[in-house]
Amino acid sequence: GLVQAGGSLRLSCAASGRTFSLLGMGWFRQAPGKEREFVARVPWNGVA
C-alpha cells in the first residue's frame, strides 16, 4: 500500500503446497528501472 516515510507495513505471502514448509523462503523487490534484488530470507528452521 501507500505509507508515509517512517511508517510501517506487514506483507504476507501465502504459498500453496507443503514443500514451502520444508524450504527456505525469501522476499525480493523491484523498483522502476531497476533489477529485482534480494531483501530477506529465512530457512525452514533457521535464522533470517
All heavy atoms as atom14 arrays in JSON, in Angstrom:
{
  "sequence": "GLVQAGGSLRLSCAASGRTFSLLGMGWFRQAPGKEREFVARVPWNGVA",
  "atom14_mask": [
    [1, 1, 1, 1, 0, 0, 0, 0, 0, 0, 0, 0, 0, 0],
    [1, 1, 1, 1, 1, 1, 1, 1, 0, 0, 0, 0, 0, 0],
    [1, 1, 1, 1, 1, 1, 1, 0, 0, 0, 0, 0, 0, 0],
    [1, 1, 1, 1, 1, 1, 1, 1, 1, 0, 0, 0, 0, 0],
    [1, 1, 1, 1, 1, 0, 0, 0, 0, 0, 0, 0, 0, 0],
    [1, 1, 1, 1, 0, 0, 0, 0, 0, 0, 0, 0, 0, 0],
    [1, 1, 1, 1, 0, 0, 0, 0, 0, 0, 0, 0, 0, 0],
    [1, 1, 1, 1, 1, 1, 0, 0, 0, 0, 0, 0, 0, 0],
    [1, 1, 1, 1, 1, 1, 1, 1, 0, 0, 0, 0, 0, 0],
    [1, 1, 1, 1, 1, 1, 1, 1, 1, 1, 1, 0, 0, 0],
    [1, 1, 1, 1, 1, 1, 1, 1, 0, 0, 0, 0, 0, 0],
    [1, 1, 1, 1, 1, 1, 0, 0, 0, 0, 0, 0, 0, 0],
    [1, 1, 1, 1, 1, 1, 0, 0, 0, 0, 0, 0, 0, 0],
    [1, 1, 1, 1, 1, 0, 0, 0, 0, 0, 0, 0, 0, 0],
    [1, 1, 1, 1, 1, 0, 0, 0, 0, 0, 0, 0, 0, 0],
    [1, 1, 1, 1, 1, 1, 0, 0, 0, 0, 0, 0, 0, 0],
    [1, 1, 1, 1, 0, 0, 0, 0, 0, 0, 0, 0, 0, 0],
    [1, 1, 1, 1, 1, 1, 1, 1, 1, 1, 1, 0, 0, 0],
    [1, 1, 1, 1, 1, 1, 1, 0, 0, 0, 0, 0, 0, 0],
    [1, 1, 1, 1, 1, 1, 1, 1, 1, 1, 1, 0, 0, 0],
    [1, 1, 1, 1, 1, 1, 0, 0, 0, 0, 0, 0, 0, 0],
    [1, 1, 1, 1, 1, 1, 1, 1, 0, 0, 0, 0, 0, 0],
    [1, 1, 1, 1, 1, 1, 1, 1, 0, 0, 0, 0, 0, 0],
    [1, 1, 1, 1, 0, 0, 0, 0, 0, 0, 0, 0, 0, 0],
    [1, 1, 1, 1, 1, 1, 1, 1, 0, 0, 0, 0, 0, 0],
    [1, 1, 1, 1, 0, 0, 0, 0, 0, 0, 0, 0, 0, 0],
    [1, 1, 1, 1, 1, 1, 1, 1, 1, 1, 1, 1, 1, 1],
    [1, 1, 1, 1, 1, 1, 1, 1, 1, 1, 1, 0, 0, 0],
    [1, 1, 1, 1, 1, 1, 1, 1, 1, 1, 1, 0, 0, 0],
    [1, 1, 1, 1, 1, 1, 1, 1, 1, 0, 0, 0, 0, 0],
    [1, 1, 1, 1, 1, 0, 0, 0, 0, 0, 0, 0, 0, 0],
    [1, 1, 1, 1, 1, 1, 1, 0, 0, 0, 0, 0, 0, 0],
    [1, 1, 1, 1, 0, 0, 0, 0, 0, 0, 0, 0, 0, 0],
    [1, 1, 1, 1, 1, 1, 1, 1, 1, 0, 0, 0, 0, 0],
    [1, 1, 1, 1, 1, 1, 1, 1, 1, 0, 0, 0, 0, 0],
    [1, 1, 1, 1, 1, 1, 1, 1, 1, 1, 1, 0, 0, 0],
    [1, 1, 1, 1, 1, 1, 1, 1, 1, 0, 0, 0, 0, 0],
    [1, 1, 1, 1, 1, 1, 1, 1, 1, 1, 1, 0, 0, 0],
    [1, 1, 1, 1, 1, 1, 1, 0, 0, 0, 0, 0, 0, 0],
    [1, 1, 1, 1, 1, 0, 0, 0, 0, 0, 0, 0, 0, 0],
    [1, 1, 1, 1, 1, 1, 1, 1, 1, 1, 1, 0, 0, 0],
    [1, 1, 1, 1, 1, 1, 1, 0, 0, 0, 0, 0, 0, 0],
    [1, 1, 1, 1, 1, 1, 1, 0, 0, 0, 0, 0, 0, 0],
    [1, 1, 1, 1, 1, 1, 1, 1, 1, 1, 1, 1, 1, 1],
    [1, 1, 1, 1, 1, 1, 1, 1, 0, 0, 0, 0, 0, 0],
    [1, 1, 1, 1, 0, 0, 0, 0, 0, 0, 0, 0, 0, 0],
    [1, 1, 1, 1, 1, 1, 1, 0, 0, 0, 0, 0, 0, 0],
    [1, 1, 1, 1, 1, 0, 0, 0, 0, 0, 0, 0, 0, 0]
  ],
  "atom14_positions": [
    [[0.81, -1.19, 0.0], [0.0, 0.0, 0.0], [0.85, 1.25, 0.0], [2.06, 1.21, -0.22], [0.0, 0.0, 0.0], [0.0, 0.0, 0.0], [0.0, 0.0, 0.0], [0.0, 0.0, 0.0], [0.0, 0.0, 0.0], [0.0, 0.0, 0.0], [0.0, 0.0, 0.0], [0.0, 0.0, 0.0], [0.0, 0.0, 0.0], [0.0, 0.0, 0.0]],
    [[0.19, 2.36, 0.25], [0.83, 3.67, 0.31], [1.02, 4.06, 1.77], [0.07, 4.02, 2.56], [-0.03, 4.71, -0.41], [0.44, 6.16, -0.35], [1.79, 6.32, -1.03], [-0.6, 7.06, -0.99], [0.0, 0.0, 0.0], [0.0, 0.0, 0.0], [0.0, 0.0, 0.0], [0.0, 0.0, 0.0], [0.0, 0.0, 0.0], [0.0, 0.0, 0.0]],
    [[2.23, 4.45, 2.12], [2.54, 4.8, 3.5], [3.52, 5.97, 3.51], [4.33, 6.13, 2.59], [3.12, 3.59, 4.26], [4.46, 3.16, 3.67], [3.25, 3.86, 5.74], [0.0, 0.0, 0.0], [0.0, 0.0, 0.0], [0.0, 0.0, 0.0], [0.0, 0.0, 0.0], [0.0, 0.0, 0.0], [0.0, 0.0, 0.0], [0.0, 0.0, 0.0]],
    [[3.44, 6.8, 4.54], [4.37, 7.9, 4.71], [5.71, 7.4, 5.2], [5.81, 6.37, 5.87], [3.8, 8.92, 5.7], [2.5, 9.58, 5.27], [2.7, 10.49, 4.08], [3.65, 11.29, 4.03], [1.81, 10.38, 3.1], [0.0, 0.0, 0.0], [0.0, 0.0, 0.0], [0.0, 0.0, 0.0], [0.0, 0.0, 0.0], [0.0, 0.0, 0.0]],
    [[6.77, 8.12, 4.86], [8.09, 7.79, 5.36], [8.07, 7.7, 6.88], [7.47, 8.53, 7.55], [9.11, 8.82, 4.9], [0.0, 0.0, 0.0], [0.0, 0.0, 0.0], [0.0, 0.0, 0.0], [0.0, 0.0, 0.0], [0.0, 0.0, 0.0], [0.0, 0.0, 0.0], [0.0, 0.0, 0.0], [0.0, 0.0, 0.0], [0.0, 0.0, 0.0]],
    [[8.73, 6.67, 7.4], [8.73, 6.41, 8.82], [7.65, 5.46, 9.28], [7.68, 5.0, 10.42], [0.0, 0.0, 0.0], [0.0, 0.0, 0.0], [0.0, 0.0, 0.0], [0.0, 0.0, 0.0], [0.0, 0.0, 0.0], [0.0, 0.0, 0.0], [0.0, 0.0, 0.0], [0.0, 0.0, 0.0], [0.0, 0.0, 0.0], [0.0, 0.0, 0.0]],
    [[6.7, 5.15, 8.41], [5.62, 4.26, 8.74], [5.98, 2.8, 8.6], [7.13, 2.44, 8.31], [0.0, 0.0, 0.0], [0.0, 0.0, 0.0], [0.0, 0.0, 0.0], [0.0, 0.0, 0.0], [0.0, 0.0, 0.0], [0.0, 0.0, 0.0], [0.0, 0.0, 0.0], [0.0, 0.0, 0.0], [0.0, 0.0, 0.0], [0.0, 0.0, 0.0]],
    [[4.98, 1.95, 8.78], [5.18, 0.5, 8.78], [4.14, -0.2, 7.93], [3.01, 0.28, 7.77], [5.1, -0.06, 10.2], [6.11, 0.49, 11.04], [0.0, 0.0, 0.0], [0.0, 0.0, 0.0], [0.0, 0.0, 0.0], [0.0, 0.0, 0.0], [0.0, 0.0, 0.0], [0.0, 0.0, 0.0], [0.0, 0.0, 0.0], [0.0, 0.0, 0.0]],
    [[4.52, -1.34, 7.39], [3.62, -2.24, 6.69], [4.04, -3.67, 6.98], [5.22, -3.93, 7.24], [3.67, -2.03, 5.17], [2.98, -0.8, 4.58], [3.34, -0.69, 3.1], [1.48, -0.89, 4.77], [0.0, 0.0, 0.0], [0.0, 0.0, 0.0], [0.0, 0.0, 0.0], [0.0, 0.0, 0.0], [0.0, 0.0, 0.0], [0.0, 0.0, 0.0]],
    [[3.09, -4.59, 6.94], [3.4, -6.01, 7.02], [2.89, -6.71, 5.79], [1.69, -6.71, 5.51], [2.81, -6.67, 8.27], [3.33, -8.1, 8.46], [2.83, -8.77, 9.72], [1.46, -9.24, 9.6], [0.96, -10.27, 10.29], [1.73, -10.93, 11.14], [-0.3, -10.61, 10.14], [0.0, 0.0, 0.0], [0.0, 0.0, 0.0], [0.0, 0.0, 0.0]],
    [[3.8, -7.32, 5.05], [3.46, -8.07, 3.86], [3.26, -9.54, 4.2], [3.92, -10.08, 5.1], [4.55, -7.95, 2.8], [4.99, -6.52, 2.42], [6.02, -6.58, 1.31], [3.79, -5.68, 2.03], [0.0, 0.0, 0.0], [0.0, 0.0, 0.0], [0.0, 0.0, 0.0], [0.0, 0.0, 0.0], [0.0, 0.0, 0.0], [0.0, 0.0, 0.0]],
    [[2.36, -10.19, 3.47], [2.11, -11.61, 3.64], [2.3, -12.32, 2.31], [2.0, -11.77, 1.26], [0.69, -11.87, 4.15], [0.49, -11.29, 5.42], [0.0, 0.0, 0.0], [0.0, 0.0, 0.0], [0.0, 0.0, 0.0], [0.0, 0.0, 0.0], [0.0, 0.0, 0.0], [0.0, 0.0, 0.0], [0.0, 0.0, 0.0], [0.0, 0.0, 0.0]],
    [[2.78, -13.54, 2.37], [2.94, -14.39, 1.2], [2.34, -15.74, 1.52], [2.87, -16.48, 2.35], [4.42, -14.52, 0.83], [4.76, -15.73, -0.47], [0.0, 0.0, 0.0], [0.0, 0.0, 0.0], [0.0, 0.0, 0.0], [0.0, 0.0, 0.0], [0.0, 0.0, 0.0], [0.0, 0.0, 0.0], [0.0, 0.0, 0.0], [0.0, 0.0, 0.0]],
    [[1.22, -16.04, 0.86], [0.55, -17.32, 1.03], [1.02, -18.26, -0.07], [0.81, -17.98, -1.25], [-0.96, -17.15, 0.99], [0.0, 0.0, 0.0], [0.0, 0.0, 0.0], [0.0, 0.0, 0.0], [0.0, 0.0, 0.0], [0.0, 0.0, 0.0], [0.0, 0.0, 0.0], [0.0, 0.0, 0.0], [0.0, 0.0, 0.0], [0.0, 0.0, 0.0]],
    [[1.63, -19.36, 0.31], [2.21, -20.31, -0.63], [1.54, -21.66, -0.48], [1.5, -22.21, 0.62], [3.71, -20.44, -0.42], [0.0, 0.0, 0.0], [0.0, 0.0, 0.0], [0.0, 0.0, 0.0], [0.0, 0.0, 0.0], [0.0, 0.0, 0.0], [0.0, 0.0, 0.0], [0.0, 0.0, 0.0], [0.0, 0.0, 0.0], [0.0, 0.0, 0.0]],
    [[1.02, -22.18, -1.58], [0.38, -23.49, -1.56], [1.42, -24.59, -1.66], [2.46, -24.43, -2.3], [-0.61, -23.62, -2.72], [-1.64, -22.66, -2.61], [0.0, 0.0, 0.0], [0.0, 0.0, 0.0], [0.0, 0.0, 0.0], [0.0, 0.0, 0.0], [0.0, 0.0, 0.0], [0.0, 0.0, 0.0], [0.0, 0.0, 0.0], [0.0, 0.0, 0.0]],
    [[1.11, -25.7, -1.03], [1.99, -26.85, -1.11], [2.86, -26.99, 0.12], [3.49, -26.03, 0.56], [0.0, 0.0, 0.0], [0.0, 0.0, 0.0], [0.0, 0.0, 0.0], [0.0, 0.0, 0.0], [0.0, 0.0, 0.0], [0.0, 0.0, 0.0], [0.0, 0.0, 0.0], [0.0, 0.0, 0.0], [0.0, 0.0, 0.0], [0.0, 0.0, 0.0]],
    [[2.92, -28.21, 0.63], [3.72, -28.47, 1.83], [5.21, -28.26, 1.59], [5.97, -28.08, 2.54], [3.45, -29.89, 2.32], [4.21, -30.3, 3.59], [4.04, -29.3, 4.72], [2.66, -29.19, 5.18], [2.25, -28.34, 6.12], [3.12, -27.51, 6.68], [0.98, -28.3, 6.48], [0.0, 0.0, 0.0], [0.0, 0.0, 0.0], [0.0, 0.0, 0.0]],
    [[5.62, -28.28, 0.31], [7.04, -28.08, 0.01], [7.55, -26.75, 0.56], [8.72, -26.63, 0.92], [7.29, -28.15, -1.51], [8.69, -27.98, -1.77], [6.53, -27.06, -2.23], [0.0, 0.0, 0.0], [0.0, 0.0, 0.0], [0.0, 0.0, 0.0], [0.0, 0.0, 0.0], [0.0, 0.0, 0.0], [0.0, 0.0, 0.0], [0.0, 0.0, 0.0]],
    [[6.68, -25.75, 0.66], [7.1, -24.45, 1.15], [7.39, -24.47, 2.65], [8.06, -23.55, 3.15], [6.06, -23.39, 0.81], [6.04, -23.05, -0.65], [5.12, -23.64, -1.5], [6.95, -22.15, -1.18], [5.1, -23.34, -2.85], [6.94, -21.84, -2.53], [6.02, -22.44, -3.37], [0.0, 0.0, 0.0], [0.0, 0.0, 0.0], [0.0, 0.0, 0.0]],
    [[6.88, -25.47, 3.34], [7.19, -25.61, 4.76], [8.56, -26.24, 4.98], [9.09, -26.18, 6.09], [6.12, -26.44, 5.46], [4.86, -25.8, 5.41], [0.0, 0.0, 0.0], [0.0, 0.0, 0.0], [0.0, 0.0, 0.0], [0.0, 0.0, 0.0], [0.0, 0.0, 0.0], [0.0, 0.0, 0.0], [0.0, 0.0, 0.0], [0.0, 0.0, 0.0]],
    [[9.12, -26.83, 3.94], [10.39, -27.54, 4.04], [11.55, -26.78, 3.41], [12.7, -27.18, 3.58], [10.27, -28.91, 3.38], [9.16, -29.81, 3.91], [9.08, -31.09, 3.1], [9.37, -30.1, 5.39], [0.0, 0.0, 0.0], [0.0, 0.0, 0.0], [0.0, 0.0, 0.0], [0.0, 0.0, 0.0], [0.0, 0.0, 0.0], [0.0, 0.0, 0.0]],
    [[11.26, -25.71, 2.69], [12.28, -24.94, 2.0], [12.45, -23.57, 2.62], [11.56, -23.06, 3.29], [11.92, -24.78, 0.52], [11.84, -26.06, -0.31], [11.29, -25.74, -1.69], [13.21, -26.71, -0.41], [0.0, 0.0, 0.0], [0.0, 0.0, 0.0], [0.0, 0.0, 0.0], [0.0, 0.0, 0.0], [0.0, 0.0, 0.0], [0.0, 0.0, 0.0]],
    [[13.6, -22.98, 2.39], [13.78, -21.59, 2.74], [12.88, -20.71, 1.89], [12.53, -21.04, 0.76], [0.0, 0.0, 0.0], [0.0, 0.0, 0.0], [0.0, 0.0, 0.0], [0.0, 0.0, 0.0], [0.0, 0.0, 0.0], [0.0, 0.0, 0.0], [0.0, 0.0, 0.0], [0.0, 0.0, 0.0], [0.0, 0.0, 0.0], [0.0, 0.0, 0.0]],
    [[12.48, -19.58, 2.45], [11.64, -18.62, 1.76], [12.33, -17.27, 1.77], [13.1, -16.95, 2.68], [10.27, -18.5, 2.41], [9.44, -19.77, 2.38], [8.87, -20.19, 0.7], [7.74, -18.83, 0.38], [0.0, 0.0, 0.0], [0.0, 0.0, 0.0], [0.0, 0.0, 0.0], [0.0, 0.0, 0.0], [0.0, 0.0, 0.0], [0.0, 0.0, 0.0]],
    [[12.04, -16.47, 0.75], [12.67, -15.18, 0.64], [11.74, -14.12, 0.11], [10.74, -14.41, -0.55], [0.0, 0.0, 0.0], [0.0, 0.0, 0.0], [0.0, 0.0, 0.0], [0.0, 0.0, 0.0], [0.0, 0.0, 0.0], [0.0, 0.0, 0.0], [0.0, 0.0, 0.0], [0.0, 0.0, 0.0], [0.0, 0.0, 0.0], [0.0, 0.0, 0.0]],
    [[12.08, -12.87, 0.41], [11.43, -11.7, -0.15], [12.39, -10.98, -1.07], [13.59, -10.86, -0.75], [10.93, -10.75, 0.94], [9.67, -11.19, 1.62], [9.56, -11.87, 2.79], [8.33, -10.96, 1.16], [8.24, -12.08, 3.09], [7.46, -11.53, 2.11], [7.78, -10.32, 0.04], [6.08, -11.49, 1.97], [6.4, -10.29, -0.09], [5.57, -10.87, 0.87]],
    [[11.87, -10.47, -2.16], [12.63, -9.74, -3.16], [11.84, -8.5, -3.55], [10.64, -8.43, -3.31], [12.89, -10.62, -4.39], [13.52, -11.94, -4.05], [12.75, -12.99, -3.57], [14.88, -12.14, -4.2], [13.32, -14.21, -3.25], [15.47, -13.35, -3.89], [14.69, -14.38, -3.41], [0.0, 0.0, 0.0], [0.0, 0.0, 0.0], [0.0, 0.0, 0.0]],
    [[12.49, -7.54, -4.17], [11.77, -6.35, -4.61], [12.37, -5.82, -5.89], [13.54, -6.05, -6.2], [11.77, -5.26, -3.53], [13.14, -4.65, -3.23], [13.06, -3.71, -2.05], [14.32, -3.06, -1.77], [14.55, -2.28, -0.72], [13.57, -2.03, 0.15], [15.74, -1.73, -0.53], [0.0, 0.0, 0.0], [0.0, 0.0, 0.0], [0.0, 0.0, 0.0]],
    [[11.54, -5.09, -6.63], [11.98, -4.49, -7.89], [11.4, -3.09, -8.01], [10.17, -2.93, -8.04], [11.56, -5.35, -9.08], [12.11, -4.86, -10.4], [11.93, -5.88, -11.51], [11.04, -6.72, -11.47], [12.79, -5.8, -12.51], [0.0, 0.0, 0.0], [0.0, 0.0, 0.0], [0.0, 0.0, 0.0], [0.0, 0.0, 0.0], [0.0, 0.0, 0.0]],
    [[12.26, -2.1, -8.06], [11.86, -0.72, -8.25], [11.87, -0.39, -9.74], [12.54, -1.06, -10.53], [12.81, 0.21, -7.5], [0.0, 0.0, 0.0], [0.0, 0.0, 0.0], [0.0, 0.0, 0.0], [0.0, 0.0, 0.0], [0.0, 0.0, 0.0], [0.0, 0.0, 0.0], [0.0, 0.0, 0.0], [0.0, 0.0, 0.0], [0.0, 0.0, 0.0]],
    [[11.13, 0.64, -10.15], [11.1, 1.01, -11.57], [12.49, 1.28, -12.11], [13.28, 2.02, -11.5], [10.24, 2.28, -11.59], [9.37, 2.16, -10.39], [10.22, 1.49, -9.36], [0.0, 0.0, 0.0], [0.0, 0.0, 0.0], [0.0, 0.0, 0.0], [0.0, 0.0, 0.0], [0.0, 0.0, 0.0], [0.0, 0.0, 0.0], [0.0, 0.0, 0.0]],
    [[12.79, 0.69, -13.26], [14.08, 0.88, -13.89], [15.23, 0.14, -13.26], [16.37, 0.32, -13.68], [0.0, 0.0, 0.0], [0.0, 0.0, 0.0], [0.0, 0.0, 0.0], [0.0, 0.0, 0.0], [0.0, 0.0, 0.0], [0.0, 0.0, 0.0], [0.0, 0.0, 0.0], [0.0, 0.0, 0.0], [0.0, 0.0, 0.0], [0.0, 0.0, 0.0]],
    [[14.96, -0.69, -12.27], [16.0, -1.44, -11.59], [15.71, -2.93, -11.66], [14.58, -3.35, -11.89], [16.12, -1.01, -10.13], [16.51, 0.45, -9.94], [16.7, 0.78, -8.48], [17.12, 2.23, -8.31], [18.45, 2.5, -8.91], [0.0, 0.0, 0.0], [0.0, 0.0, 0.0], [0.0, 0.0, 0.0], [0.0, 0.0, 0.0], [0.0, 0.0, 0.0]],
    [[16.74, -3.73, -11.46], [16.55, -5.17, -11.47], [16.05, -5.65, -10.12], [16.2, -4.98, -9.09], [17.85, -5.88, -11.84], [19.0, -5.67, -10.88], [20.27, -6.32, -11.37], [20.43, -7.54, -11.16], [21.09, -5.62, -11.98], [0.0, 0.0, 0.0], [0.0, 0.0, 0.0], [0.0, 0.0, 0.0], [0.0, 0.0, 0.0], [0.0, 0.0, 0.0]],
    [[15.44, -6.81, -10.13], [14.95, -7.41, -8.89], [16.12, -7.71, -7.96], [17.16, -8.18, -8.4], [14.18, -8.68, -9.22], [13.57, -9.38, -8.03], [12.8, -10.62, -8.5], [11.51, -10.29, -9.06], [11.01, -10.84, -10.18], [11.7, -11.74, -10.86], [9.8, -10.48, -10.6], [0.0, 0.0, 0.0], [0.0, 0.0, 0.0], [0.0, 0.0, 0.0]],
    [[15.95, -7.41, -6.67], [17.0, -7.6, -5.7], [16.51, -8.36, -4.48], [15.33, -8.34, -4.13], [17.59, -6.25, -5.26], [16.62, -5.37, -4.49], [17.24, -4.08, -4.01], [18.47, -3.9, -4.16], [16.5, -3.23, -3.47], [0.0, 0.0, 0.0], [0.0, 0.0, 0.0], [0.0, 0.0, 0.0], [0.0, 0.0, 0.0], [0.0, 0.0, 0.0]],
    [[17.44, -9.01, -3.84], [17.18, -9.74, -2.61], [16.9, -8.79, -1.47], [17.56, -7.75, -1.33], [18.38, -10.63, -2.28], [18.4, -11.15, -0.87], [17.62, -12.23, -0.5], [19.2, -10.55, 0.08], [17.65, -12.71, 0.8], [19.24, -11.01, 1.38], [18.45, -12.11, 1.74], [0.0, 0.0, 0.0], [0.0, 0.0, 0.0], [0.0, 0.0, 0.0]],
    [[15.92, -9.14, -0.62], [15.59, -8.34, 0.55], [15.85, -9.12, 1.84], [16.55, -8.64, 2.73], [14.12, -7.88, 0.52], [13.74, -7.16, 1.81], [13.88, -6.96, -0.69], [0.0, 0.0, 0.0], [0.0, 0.0, 0.0], [0.0, 0.0, 0.0], [0.0, 0.0, 0.0], [0.0, 0.0, 0.0], [0.0, 0.0, 0.0], [0.0, 0.0, 0.0]],
    [[15.28, -10.32, 1.94], [15.4, -11.1, 3.17], [15.11, -12.55, 2.87], [14.43, -12.88, 1.91], [14.45, -10.58, 4.25], [0.0, 0.0, 0.0], [0.0, 0.0, 0.0], [0.0, 0.0, 0.0], [0.0, 0.0, 0.0], [0.0, 0.0, 0.0], [0.0, 0.0, 0.0], [0.0, 0.0, 0.0], [0.0, 0.0, 0.0], [0.0, 0.0, 0.0]],
    [[15.62, -13.44, 3.71], [15.34, -14.86, 3.58], [15.31, -15.51, 4.95], [15.91, -14.99, 5.91], [16.39, -15.56, 2.7], [17.7, -15.86, 3.41], [18.66, -16.63, 2.51], [19.77, -17.22, 3.25], [19.78, -18.47, 3.72], [18.74, -19.27, 3.52], [20.84, -18.92, 4.38], [0.0, 0.0, 0.0], [0.0, 0.0, 0.0], [0.0, 0.0, 0.0]],
    [[14.6, -16.64, 5.06], [14.56, -17.41, 6.29], [14.5, -18.89, 5.93], [13.64, -19.32, 5.16], [13.38, -16.98, 7.19], [12.04, -17.19, 6.49], [13.43, -17.74, 8.51], [0.0, 0.0, 0.0], [0.0, 0.0, 0.0], [0.0, 0.0, 0.0], [0.0, 0.0, 0.0], [0.0, 0.0, 0.0], [0.0, 0.0, 0.0], [0.0, 0.0, 0.0]],
    [[15.42, -19.7, 6.45], [15.34, -21.15, 6.24], [14.16, -21.75, 6.97], [13.53, -21.08, 7.81], [16.67, -21.66, 6.81], [17.55, -20.46, 6.92], [16.64, -19.32, 7.2], [0.0, 0.0, 0.0], [0.0, 0.0, 0.0], [0.0, 0.0, 0.0], [0.0, 0.0, 0.0], [0.0, 0.0, 0.0], [0.0, 0.0, 0.0], [0.0, 0.0, 0.0]],
    [[13.87, -23.02, 6.68], [12.7, -23.65, 7.28], [12.81, -23.74, 8.8], [11.8, -23.71, 9.5], [12.48, -25.04, 6.68], [13.47, -26.08, 7.14], [14.71, -26.32, 6.63], [13.28, -27.02, 8.2], [15.31, -27.35, 7.3], [14.46, -27.8, 8.27], [12.24, -27.28, 9.09], [14.63, -28.81, 9.21], [12.4, -28.29, 10.03], [13.58, -29.05, 10.07]],
    [[14.05, -23.86, 9.3], [14.25, -23.97, 10.75], [15.44, -23.14, 11.22], [16.02, -23.42, 12.26], [14.43, -25.42, 11.16], [15.7, -26.04, 10.59], [16.31, -25.49, 9.66], [16.1, -27.17, 11.13], [0.0, 0.0, 0.0], [0.0, 0.0, 0.0], [0.0, 0.0, 0.0], [0.0, 0.0, 0.0], [0.0, 0.0, 0.0], [0.0, 0.0, 0.0]],
    [[15.8, -22.1, 10.44], [16.98, -21.34, 10.75], [16.7, -19.89, 11.06], [15.55, -19.47, 11.29], [0.0, 0.0, 0.0], [0.0, 0.0, 0.0], [0.0, 0.0, 0.0], [0.0, 0.0, 0.0], [0.0, 0.0, 0.0], [0.0, 0.0, 0.0], [0.0, 0.0, 0.0], [0.0, 0.0, 0.0], [0.0, 0.0, 0.0], [0.0, 0.0, 0.0]],
    [[17.77, -19.11, 11.07], [17.68, -17.69, 11.36], [17.69, -16.9, 10.07], [18.2, -17.34, 9.04], [18.83, -17.24, 12.29], [18.75, -17.97, 13.62], [20.18, -17.47, 11.63], [0.0, 0.0, 0.0], [0.0, 0.0, 0.0], [0.0, 0.0, 0.0], [0.0, 0.0, 0.0], [0.0, 0.0, 0.0], [0.0, 0.0, 0.0], [0.0, 0.0, 0.0]],
    [[17.13, -15.71, 10.13], [16.93, -14.9, 8.95], [18.21, -14.18, 8.54], [19.1, -13.94, 9.35], [15.82, -13.89, 9.19], [0.0, 0.0, 0.0], [0.0, 0.0, 0.0], [0.0, 0.0, 0.0], [0.0, 0.0, 0.0], [0.0, 0.0, 0.0], [0.0, 0.0, 0.0], [0.0, 0.0, 0.0], [0.0, 0.0, 0.0], [0.0, 0.0, 0.0]]
  ]
}
